[in-house]
């Protein structure tokens, strides 16, 4: 209903605006406009007053209508605001009543809960009081079973402790052996380093000795070759000399003894020189 009233008031306002716009337009047709112009040309002052009075009246009518419509619109808005406020207040009161009902229900439920808890506690106490001997026997049996299990676990724990101690001793022994072996390993590493250094030195000395030995062998071979050549040359010289001496002996026998002596001396000198060469080698 309120929306319909507002819609109607808006439509009326639009109609008044259109009427005001049309009132500002010329109200006469073309023929009447020509006649009016002719009359105005005759007595312009009278027609000017009539036009002004018409325009003022139409403007006053439109203004009064707009004022009435504004008053109606304001009244409708006030009524709608009052209605909405009254509606909201009524809803607020209804909600307050519902909240109060819910509070009362919660209080009632709390009381019922307390009563039920008390009843349950009473029933539980009665049940416990009636089942006390059976429960005590059951608890005794469970206690005995638990004590047996505890003793069993205690024995197992003692065995595990002994095994743990044995394992600790073995571990300590192994740790001592490991430390001893590490020390021995370090000593062996030092010895190996020393031996490697000595081996390097010995290999160097061996190489030097091999070089010296090769040089000596080369010298010996060279000396032997020289000696062989010398001996071969001397033998050839001796053969030649002996052949020449034989010829001479045939020619002169008295000089034979002298030649034999010279030959003996030369042979002795050759033997001495050969001995010196071999001793030098």
Protein backbone atom coordinates (compact mmCIF):
# COMPACT_ATOMS: atom_id res chain seq x y z
CA UNK A 1 0.00 0.00 0.00
CA UNK A 2 2.73 2.48 0.88
CA UNK A 3 4.60 1.72 -2.33
CA UNK A 4 1.42 2.26 -4.35
CA UNK A 5 0.85 5.66 -2.74
CA UNK A 6 4.42 6.73 -3.42
CA UNK A 7 4.13 5.58 -7.02
CA UNK A 8 0.89 7.56 -7.52
CA UNK A 9 2.40 10.70 -5.98
CA UNK A 10 5.44 10.44 -8.26
CA UNK A 11 3.18 10.05 -11.30
CA UNK A 12 1.18 13.14 -10.26
CA UNK A 13 4.41 15.12 -9.86
CA UNK A 14 5.51 14.10 -13.37
CA UNK A 15 2.10 15.14 -14.78
CA UNK A 16 2.35 18.56 -13.11
CA UNK A 17 5.85 19.06 -14.47
CA UNK A 18 4.58 18.28 -17.96
CA UNK A 19 1.65 20.73 -17.53
CA UNK A 20 4.04 23.40 -16.38
CA UNK A 21 6.21 22.84 -19.44
CA UNK A 22 3.18 22.97 -21.74
CA UNK A 23 1.93 26.15 -20.06
CA UNK A 24 5.18 27.84 -20.97
CA UNK A 25 4.58 26.98 -24.66
CA UNK A 26 2.29 29.15 -26.90
CA UNK A 27 -1.37 28.18 -26.33
CA UNK A 28 -2.87 29.41 -29.63
CA UNK A 29 -2.90 27.89 -33.11
CA UNK A 30 -1.36 29.44 -36.21
CA UNK A 31 -4.54 31.26 -37.39
CA UNK A 32 -5.39 32.55 -33.97
CA UNK A 33 -1.73 33.51 -33.58
CA UNK A 34 -1.93 35.68 -36.70
CA UNK A 35 -5.15 37.29 -35.54
CA UNK A 36 -3.63 37.84 -32.15
CA UNK A 37 -0.58 39.47 -33.67
CA UNK A 38 -2.85 41.81 -35.61
CA UNK A 39 -4.74 42.73 -32.44
CA UNK A 40 -1.49 43.18 -30.58
CA UNK A 41 -0.23 45.50 -33.28
CA UNK A 42 -3.38 47.59 -32.78
CA UNK A 43 -3.30 47.69 -28.94
CA UNK A 44 -0.18 46.01 -27.66
CA UNK A 45 -0.43 47.11 -24.03
CA UNK A 46 -3.79 45.42 -23.39
CA UNK A 47 -2.72 42.09 -24.88
CA UNK A 48 0.54 42.10 -22.95
CA UNK A 49 -1.39 42.40 -19.68
CA UNK A 50 -3.71 39.55 -20.63
CA UNK A 51 -0.76 37.24 -21.47
CA UNK A 52 0.96 38.02 -18.22
CA UNK A 53 -2.22 37.38 -16.22
CA UNK A 54 -2.73 34.01 -17.96
CA UNK A 55 0.85 32.95 -17.34
CA UNK A 56 0.69 34.01 -13.69
CA UNK A 57 -2.54 32.07 -13.13
CA UNK A 58 -1.20 28.90 -14.74
CA UNK A 59 2.02 29.20 -12.75
CA UNK A 60 0.08 29.70 -9.50
CA UNK A 61 -2.09 26.67 -10.25
CA UNK A 62 0.94 24.50 -10.91
CA UNK A 63 2.69 25.79 -7.81
CA UNK A 64 -0.35 25.08 -5.59
CA UNK A 65 -0.63 21.59 -7.04
CA UNK A 66 3.06 20.93 -6.46
CA UNK A 67 2.81 22.19 -2.88
CA UNK A 68 -0.17 19.92 -2.25
CA UNK A 69 1.67 16.98 -3.77
CA UNK A 70 4.76 17.69 -1.68
CA UNK A 71 2.60 17.81 1.45
CA UNK A 72 0.95 14.53 0.46
CA UNK A 73 4.34 12.98 -0.25
CA UNK A 74 5.71 14.10 3.10
CA UNK A 75 2.61 12.80 4.85
CA UNK A 76 2.93 9.44 3.06
CA UNK A 77 6.61 9.23 3.99
CA UNK A 78 5.83 10.02 7.61
CA UNK A 79 3.10 7.42 7.62
CA UNK A 80 5.39 4.81 6.04
CA UNK A 81 8.15 5.62 8.57
CA UNK A 82 5.68 5.34 11.45
CA UNK A 83 4.34 2.07 10.10
CA UNK A 84 7.83 0.61 9.63
CA UNK A 85 8.88 1.74 13.11
CA UNK A 86 5.75 0.27 14.65
CA UNK A 87 6.34 -2.95 12.74
CA UNK A 88 9.97 -3.12 13.95
CA UNK A 89 8.92 -2.45 17.52
CA UNK A 90 6.33 -5.22 17.31
CA UNK A 91 8.94 -7.61 15.93
CA UNK A 92 11.34 -6.56 18.70
CA UNK A 93 8.72 -7.32 21.34
CA UNK A 94 8.04 -10.71 19.73
CA UNK A 95 11.76 -11.49 19.72
CA UNK A 96 12.07 -10.46 23.35
CA UNK A 97 9.20 -12.80 24.22
CA UNK A 98 10.85 -15.63 22.27
CA UNK A 99 14.19 -14.98 24.02
CA UNK A 100 12.49 -15.05 27.38
CA UNK A 101 10.80 -18.33 26.48
CA UNK A 102 14.16 -19.80 25.44
CA UNK A 103 15.78 -18.62 28.69
CA UNK A 104 12.99 -20.26 30.66
CA UNK A 105 13.44 -23.47 28.66
CA UNK A 106 17.20 -23.49 29.27
CA UNK A 107 16.70 -22.98 32.99
CA UNK A 108 14.18 -25.81 33.02
CA UNK A 109 16.61 -28.06 31.11
CA UNK A 110 19.41 -27.20 33.55
CA UNK A 111 17.19 -28.17 36.46
CA UNK A 112 16.22 -31.42 34.73
CA UNK A 113 19.90 -32.14 34.06
CA UNK A 114 20.81 -31.60 37.70
CA UNK A 115 17.98 -33.88 38.79
CA UNK A 116 19.08 -36.57 36.33
CA UNK A 117 22.68 -36.29 37.54
CA UNK A 118 21.57 -36.69 41.13
CA UNK A 119 19.46 -39.74 40.22
CA UNK A 120 22.39 -41.28 38.30
CA UNK A 121 24.74 -40.74 41.22
CA UNK A 122 22.25 -42.33 43.61
CA UNK A 123 21.82 -45.34 41.31
CA UNK A 124 25.59 -45.67 40.89
CA UNK A 125 26.13 -45.54 44.64
CA UNK A 126 23.45 -48.18 45.18
CA UNK A 127 25.00 -50.39 42.51
CA UNK A 128 28.46 -49.99 43.96
CA UNK A 129 27.20 -50.76 47.45
CA UNK A 130 25.45 -53.91 46.18
CA UNK A 131 28.43 -55.10 44.03
CA UNK A 132 31.22 -54.31 46.50
CA UNK A 133 32.14 -57.91 47.54
CA UNK A 134 32.22 -59.20 43.96
CA UNK A 135 34.24 -56.21 42.87
CA UNK A 136 36.67 -56.69 45.76
CA UNK A 137 37.25 -60.33 44.77
CA UNK A 138 37.73 -59.29 41.18
CA UNK A 139 40.18 -56.58 42.21
CA UNK A 140 42.10 -59.06 44.39
CA UNK A 141 42.44 -61.48 41.49
CA UNK A 142 43.55 -58.70 39.18
CA UNK A 143 46.03 -57.52 41.82
CA UNK A 144 47.49 -61.03 42.14
CA UNK A 145 47.82 -61.33 38.36
CA UNK A 146 49.47 -57.94 38.22
CA UNK A 147 51.87 -58.86 41.05
CA UNK A 148 52.84 -62.06 39.16
CA UNK A 149 53.41 -60.02 36.02
CA UNK A 150 55.46 -57.51 38.01
CA UNK A 151 57.65 -60.28 39.44
CA UNK A 152 58.08 -61.76 35.98
CA UNK A 153 58.98 -58.38 34.55
CA UNK A 154 61.37 -57.79 37.46
CA UNK A 155 63.21 -61.07 36.68
CA UNK A 156 63.35 -60.17 33.00
CA UNK A 157 64.58 -56.72 33.93
CA UNK A 158 67.37 -58.21 36.10
CA UNK A 159 68.43 -60.51 33.24
CA UNK A 160 68.38 -57.60 30.84
CA UNK A 161 70.48 -55.56 33.26
CA UNK A 162 73.03 -58.38 33.54
CA UNK A 163 73.15 -58.70 29.76
CA UNK A 164 73.48 -54.95 29.51
CA UNK A 165 76.41 -54.97 31.95
CA UNK A 166 78.07 -57.80 30.00
CA UNK A 167 77.56 -55.90 26.78
CA UNK A 168 79.02 -52.77 28.38
CA UNK A 169 82.11 -54.72 29.49
CA UNK A 170 82.50 -56.18 26.01
CA UNK A 171 82.09 -52.73 24.59
CA UNK A 172 84.75 -51.29 26.91
CA UNK A 173 87.11 -54.13 25.95
CA UNK A 174 86.45 -53.56 22.28
CA UNK A 175 86.97 -49.83 22.71
CA UNK A 176 90.32 -50.50 24.45
CA UNK A 177 91.29 -52.92 21.68
CA UNK A 178 90.26 -50.37 19.08
CA UNK A 179 92.36 -47.66 20.74
CA UNK A 180 95.31 -50.08 20.96
CA UNK A 181 94.87 -51.07 17.33
CA UNK A 182 94.66 -47.43 16.29
CA UNK A 183 97.95 -46.73 18.10
CA UNK A 184 99.56 -49.76 16.48
CA UNK A 185 98.18 -48.67 13.14
CA UNK A 186 99.70 -45.23 13.61
CA UNK A 187 103.05 -46.82 14.56
CA UNK A 188 102.87 -49.11 11.53
CA UNK A 189 102.07 -46.14 9.34
CA UNK A 190 105.11 -44.32 10.70
CA UNK A 191 107.26 -47.43 10.16
CA UNK A 192 105.92 -47.85 6.64
CA UNK A 193 106.71 -44.21 5.93
CA UNK A 194 110.25 -44.72 7.26
CA UNK A 195 110.64 -47.95 5.27
CA UNK A 196 109.35 -46.29 2.13
CA UNK A 197 111.85 -43.46 2.59
CA UNK A 198 114.63 -46.03 3.19
CA UNK A 199 113.45 -48.03 0.21
CA UNK A 200 113.64 -44.91 -1.92
CA UNK A 201 117.16 -44.22 -0.64
CA UNK A 202 118.21 -47.85 -1.26
CA UNK A 203 116.70 -47.76 -4.74
CA UNK A 204 118.64 -44.56 -5.45
CA UNK A 205 121.85 -46.16 -4.14
CA UNK A 206 121.10 -49.29 -6.18
CA UNK A 207 120.69 -47.21 -9.31
CA UNK A 208 123.98 -45.45 -8.60
CA UNK A 209 125.74 -48.81 -8.02
CA UNK A 210 124.24 -50.21 -11.21
CA UNK A 211 125.50 -47.19 -13.10
CA UNK A 212 128.99 -47.62 -11.56
CA UNK A 213 128.96 -51.34 -12.29
CA UNK A 214 127.94 -50.73 -15.89
CA UNK A 215 130.68 -48.13 -16.25
CA UNK A 216 133.25 -50.57 -14.81
CA UNK A 217 132.08 -53.36 -17.08
CA UNK A 218 132.36 -51.04 -20.04
CA UNK A 219 135.88 -50.06 -18.96
CA UNK A 220 136.87 -53.73 -18.47
CA UNK A 221 135.55 -54.65 -21.87
CA UNK A 222 137.43 -51.75 -23.39
CA UNK A 223 140.64 -52.74 -21.53
CA UNK A 224 140.23 -56.38 -22.52
CA UNK A 225 139.77 -55.37 -26.12
CA UNK A 226 142.90 -53.19 -25.87
CA UNK A 227 144.87 -56.00 -24.21
CA UNK A 228 143.77 -58.48 -26.85
CA UNK A 229 144.82 -56.13 -29.61
CA UNK A 230 148.16 -55.51 -27.88
CA UNK A 231 148.76 -59.24 -27.38
CA UNK A 232 147.87 -59.97 -30.95
CA UNK A 233 150.24 -57.25 -32.13
CA UNK A 234 153.04 -58.50 -29.89
CA UNK A 235 152.59 -62.08 -31.01
CA UNK A 236 152.79 -60.96 -34.58
CA UNK A 237 155.90 -58.92 -33.74
CA UNK A 238 157.42 -61.89 -31.91
CA UNK A 239 156.73 -64.17 -34.82
CA UNK A 240 158.32 -61.73 -37.19
CA UNK A 241 161.22 -61.18 -34.86
CA UNK A 242 161.71 -64.94 -34.40
CA UNK A 243 161.68 -65.48 -38.13
CA UNK A 244 164.24 -62.73 -38.63
CA UNK A 245 166.41 -64.09 -35.84
CA UNK A 246 166.30 -67.56 -37.29
CA UNK A 247 167.61 -66.12 -40.47
CA UNK A 248 170.32 -64.30 -38.61
CA UNK A 249 171.22 -67.36 -36.59
CA UNK A 250 171.74 -69.23 -39.71
CA UNK A 251 174.01 -66.45 -40.77
CA UNK A 252 175.85 -65.91 -37.49
CA UNK A 253 175.79 -68.51 -34.76
CA UNK A 254 177.89 -66.58 -32.26
CA UNK A 255 175.19 -64.04 -31.73
CA UNK A 256 172.65 -66.77 -30.89
CA UNK A 257 173.01 -66.62 -27.12
CA UNK A 258 172.66 -62.91 -27.09
CA UNK A 259 169.43 -63.09 -29.11
CA UNK A 260 167.97 -65.68 -26.71
CA UNK A 261 168.62 -63.43 -23.80
CA UNK A 262 166.86 -60.53 -25.46
CA UNK A 263 163.86 -62.72 -26.25
CA UNK A 264 163.61 -63.85 -22.61
CA UNK A 265 163.71 -60.26 -21.40
CA UNK A 266 161.01 -59.18 -23.83
CA UNK A 267 158.76 -62.08 -22.78
CA UNK A 268 159.21 -61.19 -19.11
CA UNK A 269 158.40 -57.54 -19.78
CA UNK A 270 155.26 -58.57 -21.64
CA UNK A 271 154.11 -60.76 -18.76
CA UNK A 272 154.75 -57.96 -16.23
CA UNK A 273 152.79 -55.45 -18.32
CA UNK A 274 149.91 -57.90 -18.64
CA UNK A 275 149.88 -58.46 -14.86
CA UNK A 276 149.78 -54.71 -14.25
CA UNK A 277 146.86 -54.27 -16.66
CA UNK A 278 144.79 -57.05 -15.05
CA UNK A 279 145.55 -55.71 -11.55
CA UNK A 280 144.39 -52.23 -12.62
CA UNK A 281 141.16 -53.76 -13.98
